[in-house]
Amino acid sequence: MQKIIGVICLVIGLLLLLKGHDIANSIGSQVTKAFTGEPTSNANHYFVAGIAVALLGGSLIFWNRKKA
């Protein structure tokens, strides 16, 4: 059960990263990046959330919890 949840979290994390990449490459974000030098904070939120959820999923997949 733990590995299934881990795979689901990993997939959701990757989807969040892809969504952040799409937002960062949008026209509005490119205009903001031209003036400020960095992508919009919304894209950054998707990147951070995607990395966090993907790391959680990876740890659930590869970390074996020993049963007592």
N, C-alpha and C. Protein backbone atom coordinates (compact mmCIF):
# COMPACT_ATOMS: atom_id res chain seq x y z
N MET A 1 0.82 -1.19 0.00
CA MET A 1 0.00 0.00 0.00
C MET A 1 0.87 1.27 0.00
N GLN A 2 1.98 1.20 0.74
CA GLN A 2 2.87 2.36 0.82
C GLN A 2 3.48 2.68 -0.53
N LYS A 3 3.83 1.65 -1.30
CA LYS A 3 4.44 1.88 -2.62
C LYS A 3 3.42 2.45 -3.61
N ILE A 4 2.17 2.04 -3.49
CA ILE A 4 1.13 2.58 -4.38
C ILE A 4 0.94 4.07 -4.12
N ILE A 5 0.89 4.45 -2.86
CA ILE A 5 0.77 5.87 -2.51
C ILE A 5 2.01 6.62 -2.98
N GLY A 6 3.17 6.01 -2.86
CA GLY A 6 4.40 6.63 -3.32
C GLY A 6 4.39 6.89 -4.82
N VAL A 7 3.91 5.93 -5.59
CA VAL A 7 3.84 6.10 -7.05
C VAL A 7 2.85 7.21 -7.40
N ILE A 8 1.73 7.25 -6.70
CA ILE A 8 0.73 8.30 -6.94
C ILE A 8 1.33 9.67 -6.63
N CYS A 9 2.03 9.78 -5.50
CA CYS A 9 2.67 11.06 -5.14
C CYS A 9 3.74 11.45 -6.15
N LEU A 10 4.50 10.47 -6.63
CA LEU A 10 5.54 10.76 -7.62
C LEU A 10 4.93 11.28 -8.91
N VAL A 11 3.85 10.67 -9.35
CA VAL A 11 3.18 11.11 -10.58
C VAL A 11 2.59 12.51 -10.40
N ILE A 12 1.97 12.76 -9.26
CA ILE A 12 1.40 14.09 -9.00
C ILE A 12 2.50 15.13 -8.95
N GLY A 13 3.64 14.79 -8.33
CA GLY A 13 4.77 15.72 -8.28
C GLY A 13 5.29 16.05 -9.66
N LEU A 14 5.40 15.05 -10.53
CA LEU A 14 5.86 15.30 -11.89
C LEU A 14 4.86 16.15 -12.67
N LEU A 15 3.57 15.91 -12.45
CA LEU A 15 2.55 16.73 -13.11
C LEU A 15 2.61 18.18 -12.64
N LEU A 16 2.87 18.39 -11.35
CA LEU A 16 3.01 19.76 -10.84
C LEU A 16 4.23 20.45 -11.45
N LEU A 17 5.32 19.71 -11.61
CA LEU A 17 6.51 20.28 -12.24
C LEU A 17 6.23 20.66 -13.70
N LEU A 18 5.51 19.81 -14.41
CA LEU A 18 5.16 20.13 -15.80
C LEU A 18 4.24 21.34 -15.87
N LYS A 19 3.29 21.44 -14.95
CA LYS A 19 2.39 22.59 -14.91
C LYS A 19 3.18 23.87 -14.61
N GLY A 20 4.14 23.80 -13.70
CA GLY A 20 4.98 24.96 -13.41
C GLY A 20 5.82 25.35 -14.61
N HIS A 21 6.29 24.37 -15.35
CA HIS A 21 7.07 24.66 -16.56
C HIS A 21 6.20 25.35 -17.61
N ASP A 22 4.95 24.88 -17.76
CA ASP A 22 4.03 25.52 -18.70
C ASP A 22 3.71 26.96 -18.30
N ILE A 23 3.51 27.17 -17.01
CA ILE A 23 3.22 28.52 -16.53
C ILE A 23 4.44 29.43 -16.71
N ALA A 24 5.63 28.89 -16.46
CA ALA A 24 6.85 29.70 -16.60
C ALA A 24 7.10 30.09 -18.05
N ASN A 25 6.62 29.29 -19.00
CA ASN A 25 6.83 29.59 -20.41
C ASN A 25 5.64 30.30 -21.06
N SER A 26 4.65 30.70 -20.25
CA SER A 26 3.50 31.41 -20.82
C SER A 26 3.89 32.84 -21.19
N ILE A 27 3.07 33.47 -21.98
CA ILE A 27 3.36 34.83 -22.44
C ILE A 27 3.39 35.81 -21.27
N GLY A 28 2.44 35.69 -20.37
CA GLY A 28 2.40 36.59 -19.21
C GLY A 28 3.64 36.45 -18.34
N SER A 29 4.08 35.21 -18.16
CA SER A 29 5.27 34.99 -17.36
C SER A 29 6.52 35.49 -18.06
N GLN A 30 6.55 35.39 -19.38
CA GLN A 30 7.71 35.89 -20.12
C GLN A 30 7.80 37.42 -20.05
N VAL A 31 6.64 38.08 -20.05
CA VAL A 31 6.63 39.55 -19.90
C VAL A 31 7.13 39.92 -18.50
N THR A 32 6.64 39.21 -17.49
CA THR A 32 7.10 39.46 -16.12
C THR A 32 8.59 39.18 -16.00
N LYS A 33 9.05 38.09 -16.63
CA LYS A 33 10.46 37.74 -16.57
C LYS A 33 11.32 38.80 -17.25
N ALA A 34 10.79 39.43 -18.30
CA ALA A 34 11.55 40.47 -19.01
C ALA A 34 11.77 41.69 -18.12
N PHE A 35 10.79 42.00 -17.27
CA PHE A 35 10.91 43.18 -16.41
C PHE A 35 11.60 42.90 -15.08
N THR A 36 11.34 41.73 -14.51
CA THR A 36 11.89 41.43 -13.17
C THR A 36 13.08 40.49 -13.21
N GLY A 37 13.22 39.72 -14.26
CA GLY A 37 14.34 38.80 -14.36
C GLY A 37 14.07 37.42 -13.80
N GLU A 38 12.88 37.19 -13.24
CA GLU A 38 12.54 35.87 -12.72
C GLU A 38 11.10 35.53 -13.06
N PRO A 39 10.77 34.24 -13.11
CA PRO A 39 9.40 33.85 -13.44
C PRO A 39 8.41 34.27 -12.35
N THR A 40 7.14 34.19 -12.66
CA THR A 40 6.12 34.58 -11.69
C THR A 40 6.17 33.69 -10.46
N SER A 41 5.68 34.21 -9.36
CA SER A 41 5.71 33.43 -8.12
C SER A 41 4.79 32.22 -8.22
N ASN A 42 3.76 32.30 -9.05
CA ASN A 42 2.86 31.17 -9.23
C ASN A 42 3.62 29.98 -9.80
N ALA A 43 4.48 30.22 -10.78
CA ALA A 43 5.30 29.15 -11.35
C ALA A 43 6.25 28.60 -10.30
N ASN A 44 6.81 29.47 -9.49
CA ASN A 44 7.72 29.01 -8.43
C ASN A 44 7.00 28.13 -7.42
N HIS A 45 5.76 28.45 -7.11
CA HIS A 45 4.97 27.64 -6.18
C HIS A 45 4.76 26.24 -6.74
N TYR A 46 4.46 26.15 -8.04
CA TYR A 46 4.28 24.84 -8.66
C TYR A 46 5.58 24.05 -8.64
N PHE A 47 6.71 24.71 -8.89
CA PHE A 47 8.00 24.02 -8.86
C PHE A 47 8.31 23.47 -7.47
N VAL A 48 8.12 24.29 -6.45
CA VAL A 48 8.42 23.87 -5.08
C VAL A 48 7.49 22.74 -4.64
N ALA A 49 6.20 22.88 -4.93
CA ALA A 49 5.24 21.83 -4.56
C ALA A 49 5.54 20.54 -5.32
N GLY A 50 5.86 20.65 -6.60
CA GLY A 50 6.17 19.46 -7.39
C GLY A 50 7.38 18.73 -6.87
N ILE A 51 8.43 19.46 -6.51
CA ILE A 51 9.64 18.83 -5.97
C ILE A 51 9.34 18.16 -4.63
N ALA A 52 8.57 18.85 -3.78
CA ALA A 52 8.27 18.30 -2.45
C ALA A 52 7.44 17.02 -2.56
N VAL A 53 6.41 17.03 -3.40
CA VAL A 53 5.55 15.86 -3.53
C VAL A 53 6.30 14.72 -4.22
N ALA A 54 7.14 15.03 -5.20
CA ALA A 54 7.92 13.99 -5.87
C ALA A 54 8.93 13.36 -4.91
N LEU A 55 9.56 14.17 -4.06
CA LEU A 55 10.48 13.63 -3.06
C LEU A 55 9.75 12.75 -2.04
N LEU A 56 8.56 13.17 -1.65
CA LEU A 56 7.75 12.36 -0.75
C LEU A 56 7.42 11.03 -1.40
N GLY A 57 7.00 11.06 -2.65
CA GLY A 57 6.68 9.82 -3.35
C GLY A 57 7.89 8.92 -3.51
N GLY A 58 9.04 9.51 -3.84
CA GLY A 58 10.25 8.71 -3.96
C GLY A 58 10.66 8.07 -2.64
N SER A 59 10.51 8.82 -1.56
CA SER A 59 10.87 8.25 -0.26
C SER A 59 9.90 7.14 0.14
N LEU A 60 8.62 7.29 -0.21
CA LEU A 60 7.67 6.22 0.10
C LEU A 60 7.94 4.96 -0.73
N ILE A 61 8.42 5.14 -1.94
CA ILE A 61 8.71 3.99 -2.79
C ILE A 61 9.97 3.26 -2.33
N PHE A 62 11.03 4.00 -2.06
CA PHE A 62 12.33 3.38 -1.82
C PHE A 62 12.67 3.15 -0.35
N TRP A 63 11.92 3.74 0.57
CA TRP A 63 12.21 3.57 1.99
C TRP A 63 11.35 2.45 2.52
N ASN A 64 11.97 1.37 2.93
CA ASN A 64 11.23 0.23 3.47
C ASN A 64 11.07 0.40 4.97
N ARG A 65 9.83 0.45 5.40
CA ARG A 65 9.53 0.57 6.81
C ARG A 65 9.54 -0.84 7.41
N LYS A 66 10.35 -1.04 8.42
CA LYS A 66 10.44 -2.36 9.04
C LYS A 66 9.28 -2.55 9.98
N LYS A 67 8.65 -3.69 9.86
CA LYS A 67 7.51 -4.00 10.73
C LYS A 67 8.01 -4.59 12.03
N ALA A 68 7.40 -4.16 13.11
CA ALA A 68 7.83 -4.61 14.43
C ALA A 68 7.18 -5.93 14.79
